[in-house]
Amino acid sequence: MNKTSSFSPRALICDIDGTITDKSRRINLDSVSVIRTLIDNDIPVIFASGNTVCSLTFLCKMVGTDGTIISENGGVYRIGFAGELKICGDKDVSITAYKRLQDYFQKKGVSLELYSPEYRFADVAFAHTGDADEVREVVKDLPVKILDSGFALHIMSDYVNKGTTFLKVSKEIGISPDNFIAIGDSSNDIELIKNAGLGVAVGGGQKSAAEAADYVSLKKFGDGFSESVRKYFPSLF
């Protein structure tokens, strides 16, 4: 953590669950307020989440961003509401891994609960079942990785993450990654946090995210997000 409040970002990219919500996934209204303040002052705000494109599109419209998103933990992105949906991951390999896991857990008498499979283009997400390391061991020979967001387990191509897709997005919109502040809370935010000019982890999140960050908020979850935005955009608040 070698950066200070003197950093002056031009744009913000952030996670959703656990970052602008509380631990129960209820959106923090103060976080919405500070995001709108940024938008009203021509500061681009991009959501980068494990959630589906349709979920992020709805949130963008309700909050007021321009619709630029990174979805499925970097597996999918779009520039603006009217932009082409670009798929970075290979869903077929994720499905292959999921079927193996399904067979493995069925033999143990455990059923996996899929999350929105009909709306996913690059990854497979399912409810926490057992230990994430156990899941990783079952599919370790396949070209996939298992991400634990704290809210779900995601199977995705091993070469994709929020950080790699963030670099694509920043190039397309013409704002250097060095001019972004990135805010997240969990292990699936690590590459995003590291690739931005300044990375922030909100309090209450996973230790791995905090270790990757330049700053860890004193407050937790959405309150920590709002605290961090006010810290690094002081002239707007």
Protein backbone atom coordinates (compact mmCIF):
# COMPACT_ATOMS: atom_id res chain seq x y z
CA MET A 1 0.00 0.00 0.00
CA ASN A 2 2.27 2.76 -1.27
CA LYS A 3 -0.25 5.15 -2.76
CA THR A 4 -1.96 8.00 -0.97
CA SER A 5 -5.00 10.19 -1.29
CA SER A 6 -3.04 12.38 -3.74
CA PHE A 7 -4.00 9.97 -6.53
CA SER A 8 -6.48 11.69 -8.88
CA PRO A 9 -8.52 9.13 -10.85
CA ARG A 10 -10.43 9.93 -14.03
CA ALA A 11 -12.73 6.90 -13.90
CA LEU A 12 -13.99 4.20 -11.57
CA ILE A 13 -14.55 0.47 -12.03
CA CYS A 14 -16.11 -1.58 -9.28
CA ASP A 15 -17.52 -4.91 -8.26
CA ILE A 16 -21.15 -5.16 -7.09
CA ASP A 17 -21.88 -7.92 -4.57
CA GLY A 18 -20.14 -7.15 -1.29
CA THR A 19 -18.76 -3.91 -2.69
CA ILE A 20 -21.78 -1.67 -3.26
CA THR A 21 -24.07 -3.95 -1.27
CA ASP A 22 -24.14 -5.29 2.27
CA LYS A 23 -23.28 -8.91 3.03
CA SER A 24 -26.89 -9.89 2.26
CA ARG A 25 -26.63 -8.43 -1.29
CA ARG A 26 -28.91 -5.48 -0.50
CA ILE A 27 -27.70 -2.48 -2.45
CA ASN A 28 -26.27 0.35 -0.39
CA LEU A 29 -28.22 3.51 -1.16
CA ASP A 30 -25.35 5.80 -0.21
CA SER A 31 -23.20 3.93 -2.74
CA VAL A 32 -25.78 4.66 -5.42
CA SER A 33 -25.73 8.32 -4.41
CA VAL A 34 -21.95 8.65 -4.69
CA ILE A 35 -21.94 6.81 -8.05
CA ARG A 36 -24.52 9.27 -9.37
CA THR A 37 -22.38 12.15 -8.16
CA LEU A 38 -19.47 10.79 -10.20
CA ILE A 39 -21.65 10.31 -13.27
CA ASP A 40 -23.11 13.82 -12.96
CA ASN A 41 -19.54 15.14 -12.95
CA ASP A 42 -18.57 13.21 -16.10
CA ILE A 43 -16.58 10.51 -14.28
CA PRO A 44 -17.18 7.17 -16.07
CA VAL A 45 -18.36 4.34 -13.80
CA ILE A 46 -18.09 0.73 -14.95
CA PHE A 47 -19.52 -2.29 -13.14
CA ALA A 48 -17.38 -5.45 -13.20
CA SER A 49 -19.20 -8.41 -11.69
CA GLY A 50 -19.79 -12.13 -11.74
CA ASN A 51 -23.44 -11.34 -12.41
CA THR A 52 -25.19 -11.84 -15.75
CA VAL A 53 -25.38 -9.26 -18.52
CA CYS A 54 -29.12 -8.79 -18.01
CA SER A 55 -28.65 -8.14 -14.28
CA LEU A 56 -25.93 -5.58 -14.93
CA THR A 57 -27.93 -3.90 -17.69
CA PHE A 58 -30.86 -3.39 -15.34
CA LEU A 59 -28.57 -2.01 -12.62
CA CYS A 60 -26.87 0.37 -15.06
CA LYS A 61 -30.21 1.77 -16.18
CA MET A 62 -31.46 2.22 -12.61
CA VAL A 63 -28.23 3.80 -11.34
CA GLY A 64 -27.58 5.89 -14.43
CA THR A 65 -24.30 4.66 -15.97
CA ASP A 66 -23.75 4.53 -19.75
CA GLY A 67 -24.14 0.74 -19.79
CA THR A 68 -20.46 -0.24 -20.11
CA ILE A 69 -20.02 -3.49 -18.19
CA ILE A 70 -17.78 -6.45 -17.47
CA SER A 71 -19.92 -9.48 -16.70
CA GLU A 72 -19.33 -13.09 -15.66
CA ASN A 73 -16.01 -12.23 -13.96
CA GLY A 74 -14.47 -11.01 -17.20
CA GLY A 75 -16.05 -13.59 -19.48
CA VAL A 76 -18.21 -10.99 -21.22
CA TYR A 77 -18.06 -7.24 -21.75
CA ARG A 78 -19.92 -4.47 -23.56
CA ILE A 79 -19.16 -0.81 -24.28
CA GLY A 80 -22.33 1.21 -23.68
CA PHE A 81 -25.90 -0.05 -23.84
CA ALA A 82 -25.83 -0.27 -27.63
CA GLY A 83 -22.41 -1.89 -27.87
CA GLU A 84 -21.72 -5.36 -29.21
CA LEU A 85 -21.60 -8.08 -26.56
CA LYS A 86 -18.09 -9.52 -26.64
CA ILE A 87 -17.42 -12.97 -25.18
CA CYS A 88 -13.92 -13.67 -23.86
CA GLY A 89 -14.42 -17.07 -22.25
CA ASP A 90 -15.33 -20.55 -23.55
CA LYS A 91 -18.57 -21.74 -22.01
CA ASP A 92 -18.16 -25.27 -23.41
CA VAL A 93 -15.18 -26.02 -21.18
CA SER A 94 -17.08 -24.63 -18.19
CA ILE A 95 -20.03 -26.90 -18.93
CA THR A 96 -17.72 -29.91 -19.23
CA ALA A 97 -16.26 -29.13 -15.82
CA TYR A 98 -19.70 -28.59 -14.33
CA LYS A 99 -20.96 -31.97 -15.53
CA ARG A 100 -18.01 -33.65 -13.89
CA LEU A 101 -18.71 -31.82 -10.64
CA GLN A 102 -22.38 -32.69 -10.87
CA ASP A 103 -21.56 -36.41 -11.13
CA TYR A 104 -19.03 -36.17 -8.30
CA PHE A 105 -21.40 -34.48 -5.88
CA GLN A 106 -24.38 -36.65 -6.84
CA LYS A 107 -22.41 -39.67 -5.64
CA LYS A 108 -22.08 -37.87 -2.30
CA GLY A 109 -25.82 -37.20 -2.19
CA VAL A 110 -25.45 -33.48 -2.91
CA SER A 111 -27.30 -31.60 -5.66
CA LEU A 112 -25.75 -28.51 -7.23
CA GLU A 113 -27.89 -25.39 -7.66
CA LEU A 114 -27.17 -23.53 -10.87
CA TYR A 115 -27.48 -19.73 -11.03
CA SER A 116 -29.15 -18.30 -14.16
CA PRO A 117 -27.64 -20.74 -16.69
CA GLU A 118 -29.89 -19.49 -19.50
CA TYR A 119 -28.47 -15.97 -19.17
CA ARG A 120 -24.76 -16.84 -19.05
CA PHE A 121 -22.51 -16.71 -22.10
CA ALA A 122 -19.05 -17.64 -20.77
CA ASP A 123 -19.14 -19.18 -17.31
CA VAL A 124 -21.16 -21.50 -15.08
CA ALA A 125 -22.18 -20.33 -11.62
CA PHE A 126 -23.63 -22.40 -8.81
CA ALA A 127 -24.39 -22.18 -5.12
CA HIS A 128 -21.68 -22.96 -2.60
CA THR A 129 -21.45 -26.73 -2.18
CA GLY A 130 -18.67 -28.08 -0.03
CA ASP A 131 -15.24 -26.50 -0.03
CA ALA A 132 -13.98 -24.50 -3.03
CA ASP A 133 -10.66 -26.34 -2.85
CA GLU A 134 -12.48 -29.66 -3.11
CA VAL A 135 -14.24 -28.37 -6.23
CA ARG A 136 -10.90 -27.27 -7.70
CA GLU A 137 -9.36 -30.68 -7.05
CA VAL A 138 -12.12 -32.46 -9.00
CA VAL A 139 -11.51 -30.39 -12.17
CA LYS A 140 -7.80 -29.63 -11.80
CA ASP A 141 -6.87 -31.29 -15.11
CA LEU A 142 -9.31 -29.17 -17.14
CA PRO A 143 -8.51 -25.69 -18.60
CA VAL A 144 -10.80 -23.95 -16.12
CA LYS A 145 -10.54 -22.15 -12.80
CA ILE A 146 -12.94 -21.98 -9.90
CA LEU A 147 -13.66 -18.53 -8.52
CA ASP A 148 -15.20 -18.08 -5.10
CA SER A 149 -16.96 -14.70 -5.05
CA GLY A 150 -18.25 -15.23 -1.53
CA PHE A 151 -21.76 -15.48 -2.98
CA ALA A 152 -21.30 -18.24 -5.58
CA LEU A 153 -18.73 -20.55 -7.16
CA HIS A 154 -17.94 -19.79 -10.79
CA ILE A 155 -16.37 -22.09 -13.39
CA MET A 156 -14.64 -20.20 -16.16
CA SER A 157 -11.84 -20.38 -18.71
CA ASP A 158 -8.49 -20.28 -16.97
CA TYR A 159 -7.16 -17.41 -19.12
CA VAL A 160 -9.96 -14.93 -18.33
CA ASN A 161 -10.49 -12.65 -15.34
CA LYS A 162 -11.88 -9.21 -14.56
CA GLY A 163 -8.42 -7.70 -14.89
CA THR A 164 -7.67 -8.98 -18.39
CA THR A 165 -11.05 -7.81 -19.65
CA PHE A 166 -10.65 -4.47 -17.88
CA LEU A 167 -7.55 -3.86 -20.01
CA LYS A 168 -9.62 -4.46 -23.16
CA VAL A 169 -12.36 -2.13 -21.97
CA SER A 170 -9.99 0.66 -20.96
CA LYS A 171 -8.34 0.53 -24.39
CA GLU A 172 -11.67 0.68 -26.20
CA ILE A 173 -12.96 3.65 -24.22
CA GLY A 174 -9.64 5.48 -24.41
CA ILE A 175 -8.87 5.82 -20.69
CA SER A 176 -5.63 4.32 -19.42
CA PRO A 177 -5.90 1.74 -16.63
CA ASP A 178 -3.53 3.99 -14.68
CA ASN A 179 -6.29 6.60 -14.52
CA PHE A 180 -8.82 4.23 -12.93
CA ILE A 181 -9.59 3.47 -9.34
CA ALA A 182 -10.84 -0.12 -8.96
CA ILE A 183 -12.84 -1.23 -5.93
CA GLY A 184 -13.71 -4.80 -4.96
CA ASP A 185 -14.05 -7.20 -2.07
CA SER A 186 -13.06 -10.73 -3.05
CA SER A 187 -10.55 -12.99 -4.77
CA ASN A 188 -12.24 -12.57 -8.15
CA ASP A 189 -11.39 -8.84 -7.92
CA ILE A 190 -7.64 -9.28 -7.40
CA GLU A 191 -6.53 -8.80 -11.03
CA LEU A 192 -8.92 -5.87 -11.41
CA ILE A 193 -7.51 -4.21 -8.29
CA LYS A 194 -3.91 -4.80 -9.42
CA ASN A 195 -4.39 -3.54 -12.99
CA ALA A 196 -5.89 -0.17 -12.00
CA GLY A 197 -3.93 2.96 -11.16
CA LEU A 198 -5.16 2.53 -7.61
CA GLY A 199 -6.82 -0.55 -6.16
CA VAL A 200 -9.16 -0.50 -3.18
CA ALA A 201 -10.61 -3.36 -1.14
CA VAL A 202 -13.63 -2.64 1.02
CA GLY A 203 -13.54 -3.66 4.65
CA GLY A 204 -15.28 -6.93 5.48
CA GLY A 205 -14.20 -8.62 2.26
CA GLN A 206 -11.82 -11.49 1.60
CA LYS A 207 -8.25 -11.24 2.88
CA SER A 208 -6.81 -11.90 -0.59
CA ALA A 209 -8.46 -8.78 -1.99
CA ALA A 210 -7.17 -6.66 0.89
CA GLU A 211 -3.63 -7.96 0.35
CA ALA A 212 -3.78 -6.96 -3.33
CA ALA A 213 -5.07 -3.45 -2.67
CA ASP A 214 -3.34 -0.11 -2.23
CA TYR A 215 -6.00 0.95 0.26
CA VAL A 216 -8.48 -0.95 2.44
CA SER A 217 -11.51 1.01 3.60
CA LEU A 218 -12.16 1.43 7.30
CA LYS A 219 -15.86 0.79 6.80
CA LYS A 220 -17.33 -2.44 5.46
CA PHE A 221 -19.07 -3.38 2.22
CA GLY A 222 -21.09 -0.57 0.59
CA ASP A 223 -20.22 1.88 3.35
CA GLY A 224 -16.56 1.19 2.62
CA PHE A 225 -17.14 1.82 -1.07
CA SER A 226 -18.71 5.20 -0.36
CA GLU A 227 -15.90 6.06 2.04
CA SER A 228 -13.29 5.25 -0.63
CA VAL A 229 -15.00 7.20 -3.40
CA ARG A 230 -15.21 10.28 -1.18
CA LYS A 231 -11.53 9.83 -0.26
CA TYR A 232 -10.27 9.72 -3.84
CA PHE A 233 -12.72 12.20 -5.39
CA PRO A 234 -12.66 14.81 -2.58
CA SER A 235 -13.53 17.80 -4.76
CA LEU A 236 -16.93 16.28 -5.60
CA PHE A 237 -18.14 15.76 -2.02
